[in-house]
Amino acid sequence: MVLFAVIDIVGNIPIIIDLRKKVGHIQSEKASLIAGFIMIVFLFLGQSLLSLIGIDVNSFAVAGAFILFFIALEMILGITLYKDDDEGGITATVFPLAFPLIAGPGSLTTLLSLRAEFHIQNIIIAVVLNVILIYIVLKTSSRIERFIGTNGIKIIRKIFGVVLLAIAVKLFTANIKALF
């Protein structure tokens, strides 16, 4: 449940719909599998990988907070900061969808924290269940959009933009303190 709350795939529906409008088709299977793969690899190798390149978890989280901040600004202000040259949606499937939106600094640092408290098998099961839910949401995002409607999407986009901005600020402030 902790990982579900951090990933917040349901709250990311407006971002997913917006990305799909920008680039066309998003490969749901690929995005889900890549995000799951990133999370599993980071579960086992995250601390070592970050240490190897001289980055601590807090620096990683601060960098991710900036990315989330800019995505939130796009949602709230209706501006475009992220431009994708890939017409097939392949790049958008990986960046910013699979990483950092789904398997981002919040979920990756959460995995490192969960590893200290829970058995690896339980964490892997949680990741797999979250990946299944991510796939379902990605696959049905166009139906969700039709159900909610254009004005509903605009309203939800602004609301979740503010929520995402608050998450970015919280992620930034919690980790910037640890850096100094």
N, C-alpha and C. Protein backbone atom coordinates (compact mmCIF):
# COMPACT_ATOMS: atom_id res chain seq x y z
N MET A 1 0.83 -1.21 0.00
CA MET A 1 0.00 0.00 0.00
C MET A 1 0.86 1.26 0.00
N VAL A 2 1.99 1.20 0.67
CA VAL A 2 2.88 2.36 0.70
C VAL A 2 3.38 2.67 -0.71
N LEU A 3 3.79 1.63 -1.41
CA LEU A 3 4.28 1.80 -2.78
C LEU A 3 3.16 2.30 -3.70
N PHE A 4 1.95 1.79 -3.51
CA PHE A 4 0.79 2.24 -4.29
C PHE A 4 0.56 3.73 -4.10
N ALA A 5 0.64 4.18 -2.86
CA ALA A 5 0.42 5.60 -2.56
C ALA A 5 1.51 6.48 -3.17
N VAL A 6 2.75 5.99 -3.14
CA VAL A 6 3.85 6.79 -3.68
C VAL A 6 3.79 6.85 -5.20
N ILE A 7 3.52 5.71 -5.84
CA ILE A 7 3.43 5.69 -7.30
C ILE A 7 2.24 6.52 -7.76
N ASP A 8 1.11 6.40 -7.08
CA ASP A 8 -0.10 7.19 -7.33
C ASP A 8 -0.50 7.17 -8.81
N ILE A 9 -0.63 5.98 -9.37
CA ILE A 9 -0.98 5.86 -10.79
C ILE A 9 -2.36 6.43 -11.09
N VAL A 10 -3.28 6.30 -10.15
CA VAL A 10 -4.62 6.86 -10.37
C VAL A 10 -4.55 8.39 -10.42
N GLY A 11 -3.74 8.97 -9.54
CA GLY A 11 -3.56 10.43 -9.55
C GLY A 11 -2.82 10.92 -10.77
N ASN A 12 -2.10 10.02 -11.43
CA ASN A 12 -1.33 10.40 -12.62
C ASN A 12 -2.13 10.28 -13.92
N ILE A 13 -3.39 9.90 -13.84
CA ILE A 13 -4.21 9.75 -15.04
C ILE A 13 -4.21 11.01 -15.90
N PRO A 14 -4.37 12.22 -15.32
CA PRO A 14 -4.31 13.41 -16.18
C PRO A 14 -2.98 13.57 -16.91
N ILE A 15 -1.88 13.21 -16.25
CA ILE A 15 -0.57 13.30 -16.89
C ILE A 15 -0.47 12.29 -18.03
N ILE A 16 -0.98 11.09 -17.79
CA ILE A 16 -0.96 10.03 -18.81
C ILE A 16 -1.77 10.46 -20.03
N ILE A 17 -2.94 11.01 -19.79
CA ILE A 17 -3.80 11.47 -20.89
C ILE A 17 -3.10 12.60 -21.65
N ASP A 18 -2.48 13.51 -20.91
CA ASP A 18 -1.76 14.61 -21.55
C ASP A 18 -0.60 14.11 -22.39
N LEU A 19 0.17 13.16 -21.87
CA LEU A 19 1.28 12.58 -22.63
C LEU A 19 0.77 11.89 -23.90
N ARG A 20 -0.33 11.17 -23.75
CA ARG A 20 -0.89 10.47 -24.91
C ARG A 20 -1.32 11.46 -25.99
N LYS A 21 -1.85 12.61 -25.58
CA LYS A 21 -2.24 13.63 -26.55
C LYS A 21 -1.02 14.23 -27.24
N LYS A 22 0.07 14.39 -26.50
CA LYS A 22 1.28 14.99 -27.07
C LYS A 22 1.97 14.07 -28.07
N VAL A 23 2.06 12.79 -27.74
CA VAL A 23 2.86 11.88 -28.57
C VAL A 23 2.04 10.83 -29.30
N GLY A 24 0.76 10.79 -29.08
CA GLY A 24 -0.06 9.76 -29.73
C GLY A 24 -0.14 8.52 -28.86
N HIS A 25 0.32 7.42 -29.39
CA HIS A 25 0.22 6.13 -28.72
C HIS A 25 1.29 5.97 -27.65
N ILE A 26 0.87 5.48 -26.49
CA ILE A 26 1.81 5.11 -25.44
C ILE A 26 1.70 3.60 -25.28
N GLN A 27 2.84 2.94 -25.26
CA GLN A 27 2.87 1.49 -25.16
C GLN A 27 2.72 1.08 -23.70
N SER A 28 1.49 0.70 -23.32
CA SER A 28 1.17 0.38 -21.93
C SER A 28 2.00 -0.78 -21.39
N GLU A 29 2.11 -1.84 -22.20
CA GLU A 29 2.86 -3.02 -21.75
C GLU A 29 4.32 -2.65 -21.49
N LYS A 30 4.90 -1.95 -22.45
CA LYS A 30 6.31 -1.59 -22.36
C LYS A 30 6.56 -0.67 -21.17
N ALA A 31 5.71 0.33 -20.99
CA ALA A 31 5.87 1.27 -19.87
C ALA A 31 5.76 0.54 -18.54
N SER A 32 4.79 -0.36 -18.42
CA SER A 32 4.60 -1.11 -17.17
C SER A 32 5.79 -2.00 -16.89
N LEU A 33 6.23 -2.74 -17.91
CA LEU A 33 7.36 -3.66 -17.72
C LEU A 33 8.66 -2.91 -17.42
N ILE A 34 8.90 -1.80 -18.12
CA ILE A 34 10.11 -1.03 -17.86
C ILE A 34 10.09 -0.45 -16.44
N ALA A 35 8.94 0.09 -16.04
CA ALA A 35 8.83 0.64 -14.68
C ALA A 35 9.05 -0.47 -13.64
N GLY A 36 8.44 -1.63 -13.85
CA GLY A 36 8.63 -2.76 -12.94
C GLY A 36 10.07 -3.21 -12.89
N PHE A 37 10.71 -3.28 -14.06
CA PHE A 37 12.11 -3.68 -14.15
C PHE A 37 13.00 -2.69 -13.40
N ILE A 38 12.77 -1.40 -13.62
CA ILE A 38 13.56 -0.38 -12.94
C ILE A 38 13.41 -0.51 -11.42
N MET A 39 12.17 -0.73 -10.96
CA MET A 39 11.95 -0.83 -9.52
C MET A 39 12.62 -2.07 -8.93
N ILE A 40 12.52 -3.21 -9.61
CA ILE A 40 13.15 -4.45 -9.11
C ILE A 40 14.67 -4.31 -9.09
N VAL A 41 15.23 -3.80 -10.18
CA VAL A 41 16.69 -3.62 -10.23
C VAL A 41 17.14 -2.66 -9.14
N PHE A 42 16.39 -1.57 -8.97
CA PHE A 42 16.77 -0.59 -7.95
C PHE A 42 16.63 -1.16 -6.55
N LEU A 43 15.68 -2.06 -6.35
CA LEU A 43 15.50 -2.71 -5.06
C LEU A 43 16.78 -3.44 -4.66
N PHE A 44 17.39 -4.12 -5.61
CA PHE A 44 18.58 -4.90 -5.32
C PHE A 44 19.87 -4.10 -5.45
N LEU A 45 19.93 -3.20 -6.42
CA LEU A 45 21.20 -2.54 -6.73
C LEU A 45 21.20 -1.02 -6.50
N GLY A 46 20.08 -0.48 -6.09
CA GLY A 46 19.94 0.98 -5.99
C GLY A 46 20.99 1.68 -5.17
N GLN A 47 21.13 1.25 -3.94
CA GLN A 47 22.10 1.90 -3.05
C GLN A 47 23.50 1.77 -3.61
N SER A 48 23.83 0.60 -4.14
CA SER A 48 25.17 0.38 -4.70
C SER A 48 25.40 1.22 -5.94
N LEU A 49 24.39 1.28 -6.83
CA LEU A 49 24.53 2.08 -8.06
C LEU A 49 24.72 3.56 -7.75
N LEU A 50 23.92 4.07 -6.85
CA LEU A 50 24.04 5.48 -6.50
C LEU A 50 25.40 5.76 -5.85
N SER A 51 25.84 4.87 -4.97
CA SER A 51 27.15 5.04 -4.32
C SER A 51 28.28 4.96 -5.34
N LEU A 52 28.14 4.06 -6.32
CA LEU A 52 29.17 3.88 -7.34
C LEU A 52 29.42 5.15 -8.14
N ILE A 53 28.34 5.87 -8.45
CA ILE A 53 28.50 7.10 -9.22
C ILE A 53 28.58 8.34 -8.33
N GLY A 54 28.65 8.11 -7.03
CA GLY A 54 28.86 9.22 -6.10
C GLY A 54 27.62 10.04 -5.80
N ILE A 55 26.46 9.43 -5.92
CA ILE A 55 25.21 10.15 -5.65
C ILE A 55 24.53 9.48 -4.47
N ASP A 56 24.12 10.27 -3.51
CA ASP A 56 23.37 9.70 -2.40
C ASP A 56 21.88 9.74 -2.73
N VAL A 57 21.10 9.02 -1.94
CA VAL A 57 19.66 8.92 -2.18
C VAL A 57 19.00 10.29 -2.12
N ASN A 58 19.47 11.15 -1.24
CA ASN A 58 18.87 12.48 -1.10
C ASN A 58 19.07 13.33 -2.35
N SER A 59 20.25 13.27 -2.93
CA SER A 59 20.52 14.01 -4.18
C SER A 59 19.64 13.49 -5.30
N PHE A 60 19.49 12.18 -5.36
CA PHE A 60 18.63 11.55 -6.35
C PHE A 60 17.19 12.03 -6.20
N ALA A 61 16.73 12.09 -4.97
CA ALA A 61 15.36 12.53 -4.71
C ALA A 61 15.16 14.00 -5.06
N VAL A 62 16.16 14.84 -4.79
CA VAL A 62 16.06 16.26 -5.12
C VAL A 62 15.98 16.44 -6.64
N ALA A 63 16.79 15.70 -7.38
CA ALA A 63 16.74 15.78 -8.85
C ALA A 63 15.37 15.35 -9.36
N GLY A 64 14.84 14.30 -8.79
CA GLY A 64 13.49 13.85 -9.18
C GLY A 64 12.42 14.87 -8.83
N ALA A 65 12.63 15.58 -7.72
CA ALA A 65 11.67 16.61 -7.32
C ALA A 65 11.60 17.72 -8.37
N PHE A 66 12.75 18.05 -8.97
CA PHE A 66 12.75 19.07 -10.03
C PHE A 66 11.94 18.60 -11.24
N ILE A 67 12.10 17.35 -11.62
CA ILE A 67 11.35 16.82 -12.76
C ILE A 67 9.85 16.86 -12.47
N LEU A 68 9.47 16.40 -11.28
CA LEU A 68 8.05 16.43 -10.91
C LEU A 68 7.53 17.86 -10.86
N PHE A 69 8.36 18.79 -10.41
CA PHE A 69 7.99 20.20 -10.35
C PHE A 69 7.65 20.73 -11.74
N PHE A 70 8.49 20.42 -12.72
CA PHE A 70 8.25 20.91 -14.08
C PHE A 70 7.02 20.26 -14.72
N ILE A 71 6.80 18.99 -14.44
CA ILE A 71 5.59 18.33 -14.95
C ILE A 71 4.36 18.98 -14.33
N ALA A 72 4.43 19.30 -13.04
CA ALA A 72 3.31 19.97 -12.36
C ALA A 72 3.06 21.35 -12.96
N LEU A 73 4.12 22.09 -13.27
CA LEU A 73 3.95 23.40 -13.90
C LEU A 73 3.24 23.27 -15.25
N GLU A 74 3.59 22.26 -16.02
CA GLU A 74 2.91 22.03 -17.29
C GLU A 74 1.42 21.82 -17.06
N MET A 75 1.08 21.04 -16.06
CA MET A 75 -0.32 20.73 -15.78
C MET A 75 -1.09 21.96 -15.32
N ILE A 76 -0.50 22.73 -14.43
CA ILE A 76 -1.20 23.87 -13.84
C ILE A 76 -1.30 25.04 -14.82
N LEU A 77 -0.20 25.35 -15.48
CA LEU A 77 -0.15 26.54 -16.32
C LEU A 77 -0.54 26.28 -17.78
N GLY A 78 -0.64 25.01 -18.15
CA GLY A 78 -0.98 24.69 -19.53
C GLY A 78 0.13 25.00 -20.52
N ILE A 79 1.37 24.98 -20.04
CA ILE A 79 2.51 25.23 -20.92
C ILE A 79 3.19 23.90 -21.27
N THR A 80 4.03 23.92 -22.27
CA THR A 80 4.75 22.72 -22.66
C THR A 80 6.24 22.92 -22.45
N LEU A 81 6.78 22.18 -21.50
CA LEU A 81 8.22 22.21 -21.26
C LEU A 81 8.87 20.97 -21.86
N TYR A 82 8.17 19.85 -21.80
CA TYR A 82 8.70 18.60 -22.33
C TYR A 82 8.24 18.43 -23.75
N LYS A 83 9.16 18.35 -24.67
CA LYS A 83 8.83 18.13 -26.07
C LYS A 83 9.48 16.84 -26.50
N ASP A 84 8.71 16.00 -27.18
CA ASP A 84 9.21 14.70 -27.61
C ASP A 84 9.27 14.67 -29.13
N ASP A 85 10.42 14.34 -29.67
CA ASP A 85 10.58 14.25 -31.12
C ASP A 85 10.14 12.91 -31.67
N ASP A 86 9.90 11.95 -30.80
CA ASP A 86 9.55 10.60 -31.22
C ASP A 86 8.06 10.54 -31.55
N GLU A 87 7.74 10.29 -32.79
CA GLU A 87 6.35 10.27 -33.23
C GLU A 87 5.62 9.02 -32.76
N GLY A 88 6.34 7.93 -32.52
CA GLY A 88 5.70 6.68 -32.14
C GLY A 88 5.40 6.54 -30.67
N GLY A 89 5.78 7.48 -29.87
CA GLY A 89 5.49 7.41 -28.45
C GLY A 89 6.44 6.50 -27.68
N ILE A 90 7.47 6.00 -28.34
CA ILE A 90 8.39 5.08 -27.67
C ILE A 90 9.17 5.81 -26.58
N THR A 91 9.69 6.99 -26.90
CA THR A 91 10.46 7.74 -25.92
C THR A 91 9.57 8.15 -24.76
N ALA A 92 8.38 8.64 -25.03
CA ALA A 92 7.46 9.05 -23.96
C ALA A 92 7.07 7.86 -23.10
N THR A 93 7.06 6.68 -23.68
CA THR A 93 6.75 5.48 -22.91
C THR A 93 7.81 5.27 -21.83
N VAL A 94 9.06 5.53 -22.17
CA VAL A 94 10.14 5.34 -21.21
C VAL A 94 10.33 6.59 -20.36
N PHE A 95 10.49 7.74 -21.01
CA PHE A 95 10.68 9.00 -20.29
C PHE A 95 9.67 10.01 -20.78
N PRO A 96 8.85 10.59 -20.00
CA PRO A 96 8.81 10.63 -18.55
C PRO A 96 7.84 9.64 -17.91
N LEU A 97 7.23 8.71 -18.68
CA LEU A 97 6.20 7.86 -18.09
C LEU A 97 6.78 6.77 -17.19
N ALA A 98 7.53 5.83 -17.75
CA ALA A 98 8.08 4.74 -16.92
C ALA A 98 9.04 5.30 -15.88
N PHE A 99 9.88 6.24 -16.31
CA PHE A 99 10.79 6.92 -15.40
C PHE A 99 10.79 8.39 -15.75
N PRO A 100 10.50 9.30 -14.89
CA PRO A 100 10.41 9.23 -13.44
C PRO A 100 9.00 9.23 -12.89
N LEU A 101 7.98 9.19 -13.76
CA LEU A 101 6.62 9.30 -13.24
C LEU A 101 6.21 8.08 -12.43
N ILE A 102 6.40 6.89 -12.98
CA ILE A 102 6.01 5.67 -12.28
C ILE A 102 7.15 5.19 -11.38
N ALA A 103 8.28 4.88 -11.98
CA ALA A 103 9.45 4.44 -11.21
C ALA A 103 10.35 5.64 -11.01
N GLY A 104 9.90 6.55 -10.19
CA GLY A 104 10.64 7.79 -9.97
C GLY A 104 11.36 7.79 -8.64
N PRO A 105 11.91 8.94 -8.31
CA PRO A 105 12.69 9.01 -7.07
C PRO A 105 11.87 8.69 -5.84
N GLY A 106 10.59 9.05 -5.86
CA GLY A 106 9.74 8.74 -4.71
C GLY A 106 9.59 7.24 -4.52
N SER A 107 9.23 6.53 -5.59
CA SER A 107 9.04 5.08 -5.48
C SER A 107 10.37 4.36 -5.28
N LEU A 108 11.43 4.84 -5.90
CA LEU A 108 12.73 4.17 -5.75
C LEU A 108 13.31 4.35 -4.35
N THR A 109 13.21 5.55 -3.80
CA THR A 109 13.69 5.73 -2.43
C THR A 109 12.79 5.00 -1.44
N THR A 110 11.49 4.91 -1.75
CA THR A 110 10.58 4.14 -0.91
C THR A 110 10.98 2.67 -0.90
N LEU A 111 11.36 2.14 -2.07
CA LEU A 111 11.81 0.75 -2.14
C LEU A 111 13.02 0.52 -1.24
N LEU A 112 13.96 1.46 -1.25
CA LEU A 112 15.13 1.31 -0.37
C LEU A 112 14.70 1.34 1.10
N SER A 113 13.73 2.17 1.43
CA SER A 113 13.24 2.22 2.81
C SER A 113 12.50 0.95 3.19
N LEU A 114 11.68 0.44 2.28
CA LEU A 114 10.91 -0.78 2.55
C LEU A 114 11.83 -1.98 2.74
N ARG A 115 12.94 -1.97 2.03
CA ARG A 115 13.89 -3.09 2.13
C ARG A 115 14.40 -3.26 3.56
N ALA A 116 14.50 -2.16 4.27
CA ALA A 116 14.97 -2.22 5.65
C ALA A 116 13.90 -2.78 6.59
N GLU A 117 12.63 -2.74 6.18
CA GLU A 117 11.54 -3.14 7.07
C GLU A 117 10.88 -4.46 6.71
N PHE A 118 10.90 -4.84 5.41
CA PHE A 118 10.14 -6.00 4.96
C PHE A 118 11.03 -6.99 4.23
N HIS A 119 10.52 -8.22 4.09
CA HIS A 119 11.23 -9.25 3.33
C HIS A 119 11.20 -8.90 1.85
N ILE A 120 12.27 -9.25 1.14
CA ILE A 120 12.40 -8.96 -0.29
C ILE A 120 11.23 -9.55 -1.08
N GLN A 121 10.80 -10.78 -0.73
CA GLN A 121 9.71 -11.42 -1.47
C GLN A 121 8.43 -10.59 -1.40
N ASN A 122 8.14 -10.04 -0.23
CA ASN A 122 6.93 -9.22 -0.07
C ASN A 122 7.02 -7.94 -0.90
N ILE A 123 8.19 -7.36 -0.95
CA ILE A 123 8.38 -6.13 -1.73
C ILE A 123 8.23 -6.44 -3.22
N ILE A 124 8.78 -7.55 -3.66
CA ILE A 124 8.65 -7.94 -5.08
C ILE A 124 7.18 -8.18 -5.43
N ILE A 125 6.45 -8.84 -4.54
CA ILE A 125 5.01 -9.05 -4.78
C ILE A 125 4.30 -7.70 -4.87
N ALA A 126 4.65 -6.76 -4.01
CA ALA A 126 4.05 -5.42 -4.04
C ALA A 126 4.36 -4.72 -5.36
N VAL A 127 5.59 -4.84 -5.83
CA VAL A 127 5.97 -4.22 -7.11
C VAL A 127 5.16 -4.84 -8.25
N VAL A 128 5.06 -6.17 -8.27
CA VAL A 128 4.31 -6.85 -9.34
C VAL A 128 2.84 -6.44 -9.32
N LEU A 129 2.23 -6.39 -8.15
CA LEU A 129 0.83 -5.97 -8.06
C LEU A 129 0.65 -4.53 -8.53
N ASN A 130 1.58 -3.67 -8.18
CA ASN A 130 1.51 -2.28 -8.64
C ASN A 130 1.70 -2.19 -10.15
N VAL A 131 2.59 -2.99 -10.71
CA VAL A 131 2.80 -2.99 -12.16
C VAL A 131 1.54 -3.44 -12.89
N ILE A 132 0.84 -4.43 -12.34
CA ILE A 132 -0.43 -4.88 -12.95
C ILE A 132 -1.45 -3.74 -12.93
N LEU A 133 -1.56 -3.05 -11.81
CA LEU A 133 -2.49 -1.92 -11.71
C LEU A 133 -2.08 -0.80 -12.66
N ILE A 134 -0.78 -0.54 -12.76
CA ILE A 134 -0.28 0.48 -13.69
C ILE A 134 -0.69 0.14 -15.11
N TYR A 135 -0.51 -1.11 -15.50
CA TYR A 135 -0.88 -1.56 -16.84
C TYR A 135 -2.37 -1.34 -17.09
N ILE A 136 -3.20 -1.71 -16.14
CA ILE A 136 -4.65 -1.54 -16.30
C ILE A 136 -5.01 -0.07 -16.49
N VAL A 137 -4.43 0.80 -15.67
CA VAL A 137 -4.73 2.23 -15.77
C VAL A 137 -4.23 2.79 -17.11
N LEU A 138 -3.02 2.41 -17.51
CA LEU A 138 -2.49 2.89 -18.79
C LEU A 138 -3.34 2.41 -19.95
N LYS A 139 -3.77 1.17 -19.90
CA LYS A 139 -4.56 0.58 -21.00
C LYS A 139 -5.94 1.22 -21.10
N THR A 140 -6.51 1.61 -19.97
CA THR A 140 -7.88 2.15 -19.97
C THR A 140 -7.93 3.67 -19.89
N SER A 141 -6.81 4.34 -20.01
CA SER A 141 -6.79 5.80 -19.85
C SER A 141 -7.69 6.51 -20.87
N SER A 142 -7.79 6.00 -22.08
CA SER A 142 -8.67 6.65 -23.06
C SER A 142 -10.14 6.48 -22.68
N ARG A 143 -10.51 5.33 -22.14
CA ARG A 143 -11.89 5.12 -21.68
C ARG A 143 -12.19 6.01 -20.48
N ILE A 144 -11.20 6.12 -19.59
CA ILE A 144 -11.37 7.00 -18.42
C ILE A 144 -11.57 8.44 -18.89
N GLU A 145 -10.80 8.83 -19.90
CA GLU A 145 -10.92 10.19 -20.43
C GLU A 145 -12.32 10.42 -21.02
N ARG A 146 -12.83 9.45 -21.78
CA ARG A 146 -14.17 9.60 -22.35
C ARG A 146 -15.23 9.67 -21.26
N PHE A 147 -15.06 8.88 -20.20
CA PHE A 147 -16.02 8.85 -19.10
C PHE A 147 -16.05 10.18 -18.35
N ILE A 148 -14.87 10.74 -18.08
CA ILE A 148 -14.77 11.98 -17.31
C ILE A 148 -15.11 13.19 -18.17
N GLY A 149 -14.74 13.16 -19.44
CA GLY A 149 -15.01 14.27 -20.34
C GLY A 149 -13.89 15.29 -20.36
N THR A 150 -13.94 16.17 -21.36
CA THR A 150 -12.88 17.16 -21.55
C THR A 150 -12.77 18.13 -20.38
N ASN A 151 -13.90 18.66 -19.93
CA ASN A 151 -13.86 19.61 -18.81
C ASN A 151 -13.44 18.92 -17.53
N GLY A 152 -13.88 17.69 -17.32
CA GLY A 152 -13.47 16.93 -16.15
C GLY A 152 -11.97 16.70 -16.13
N ILE A 153 -11.42 16.40 -17.29
CA ILE A 153 -9.98 16.19 -17.39
C ILE A 153 -9.24 17.48 -17.07
N LYS A 154 -9.73 18.60 -17.59
CA LYS A 154 -9.08 19.89 -17.32
C LYS A 154 -9.08 20.20 -15.83
N ILE A 155 -10.21 19.96 -15.19
CA ILE A 155 -10.31 20.22 -13.75
C ILE A 155 -9.38 19.30 -12.97
N ILE A 156 -9.44 18.01 -13.29
CA ILE A 156 -8.58 17.04 -12.60
C ILE A 156 -7.12 17.34 -12.86
N ARG A 157 -6.80 17.76 -14.08
CA ARG A 157 -5.42 18.08 -14.43
C ARG A 157 -4.88 19.22 -13.56
N LYS A 158 -5.68 20.25 -13.37
CA LYS A 158 -5.25 21.38 -12.54
C LYS A 158 -5.11 20.96 -11.07
N ILE A 159 -6.09 20.20 -10.58
CA ILE A 159 -6.06 19.76 -9.18
C ILE A 159 -4.84 18.88 -8.94
N PHE A 160 -4.65 17.87 -9.80
CA PHE A 160 -3.52 16.97 -9.60
C PHE A 160 -2.20 17.65 -9.92
N GLY A 161 -2.22 18.70 -10.72
CA GLY A 161 -1.02 19.49 -10.93
C GLY A 161 -0.57 20.14 -9.64
N VAL A 162 -1.53 20.68 -8.90
CA VAL A 162 -1.21 21.30 -7.61
C VAL A 162 -0.74 20.22 -6.62
N VAL A 163 -1.40 19.06 -6.63
CA VAL A 163 -0.99 17.96 -5.75
C VAL A 163 0.42 17.51 -6.11
N LEU A 164 0.70 17.35 -7.39
CA LEU A 164 2.02 16.94 -7.83
C LEU A 164 3.07 17.99 -7.46
N LEU A 165 2.71 19.26 -7.58
CA LEU A 165 3.60 20.34 -7.17
C LEU A 165 3.91 20.25 -5.67
N ALA A 166 2.88 19.96 -4.88
CA ALA A 166 3.08 19.81 -3.44
C ALA A 166 3.98 18.61 -3.13
N ILE A 167 3.80 17.52 -3.86
CA ILE A 167 4.66 16.35 -3.67
C ILE A 167 6.09 16.68 -4.03
N ALA A 168 6.28 17.42 -5.13
CA ALA A 168 7.62 17.82 -5.54
C ALA A 168 8.29 18.70 -4.48
N VAL A 169 7.53 19.65 -3.94
CA VAL A 169 8.08 20.53 -2.91
C VAL A 169 8.41 19.73 -1.66
N LYS A 170 7.53 18.81 -1.27
CA LYS A 170 7.79 17.99 -0.08
C LYS A 170 9.02 17.11 -0.29
N LEU A 171 9.12 16.49 -1.47
CA LEU A 171 10.27 15.65 -1.78
C LEU A 171 11.55 16.48 -1.76
N PHE A 172 11.47 17.69 -2.30
CA PHE A 172 12.63 18.58 -2.32
C PHE A 172 13.03 18.99 -0.91
N THR A 173 12.08 19.50 -0.13
CA THR A 173 12.42 20.02 1.20
C THR A 173 12.89 18.91 2.14
N ALA A 174 12.27 17.72 2.06
CA ALA A 174 12.68 16.63 2.93
C ALA A 174 14.10 16.17 2.63
N ASN A 175 14.49 16.24 1.38
CA ASN A 175 15.80 15.73 1.01
C ASN A 175 16.87 16.80 0.96
N ILE A 176 16.50 18.05 0.76
CA ILE A 176 17.51 19.11 0.72
C ILE A 176 18.07 19.34 2.13
N LYS A 177 17.23 19.15 3.14
CA LYS A 177 17.69 19.27 4.52
C LYS A 177 18.80 18.26 4.81
N ALA A 178 18.60 17.05 4.31
CA ALA A 178 19.59 15.99 4.56
C ALA A 178 20.91 16.26 3.83
N LEU A 179 20.84 17.03 2.74
CA LEU A 179 22.07 17.32 2.01
C LEU A 179 22.93 18.35 2.72
N PHE A 180 22.28 19.22 3.49
CA PHE A 180 23.03 20.26 4.20
C PHE A 180 23.05 19.92 5.65
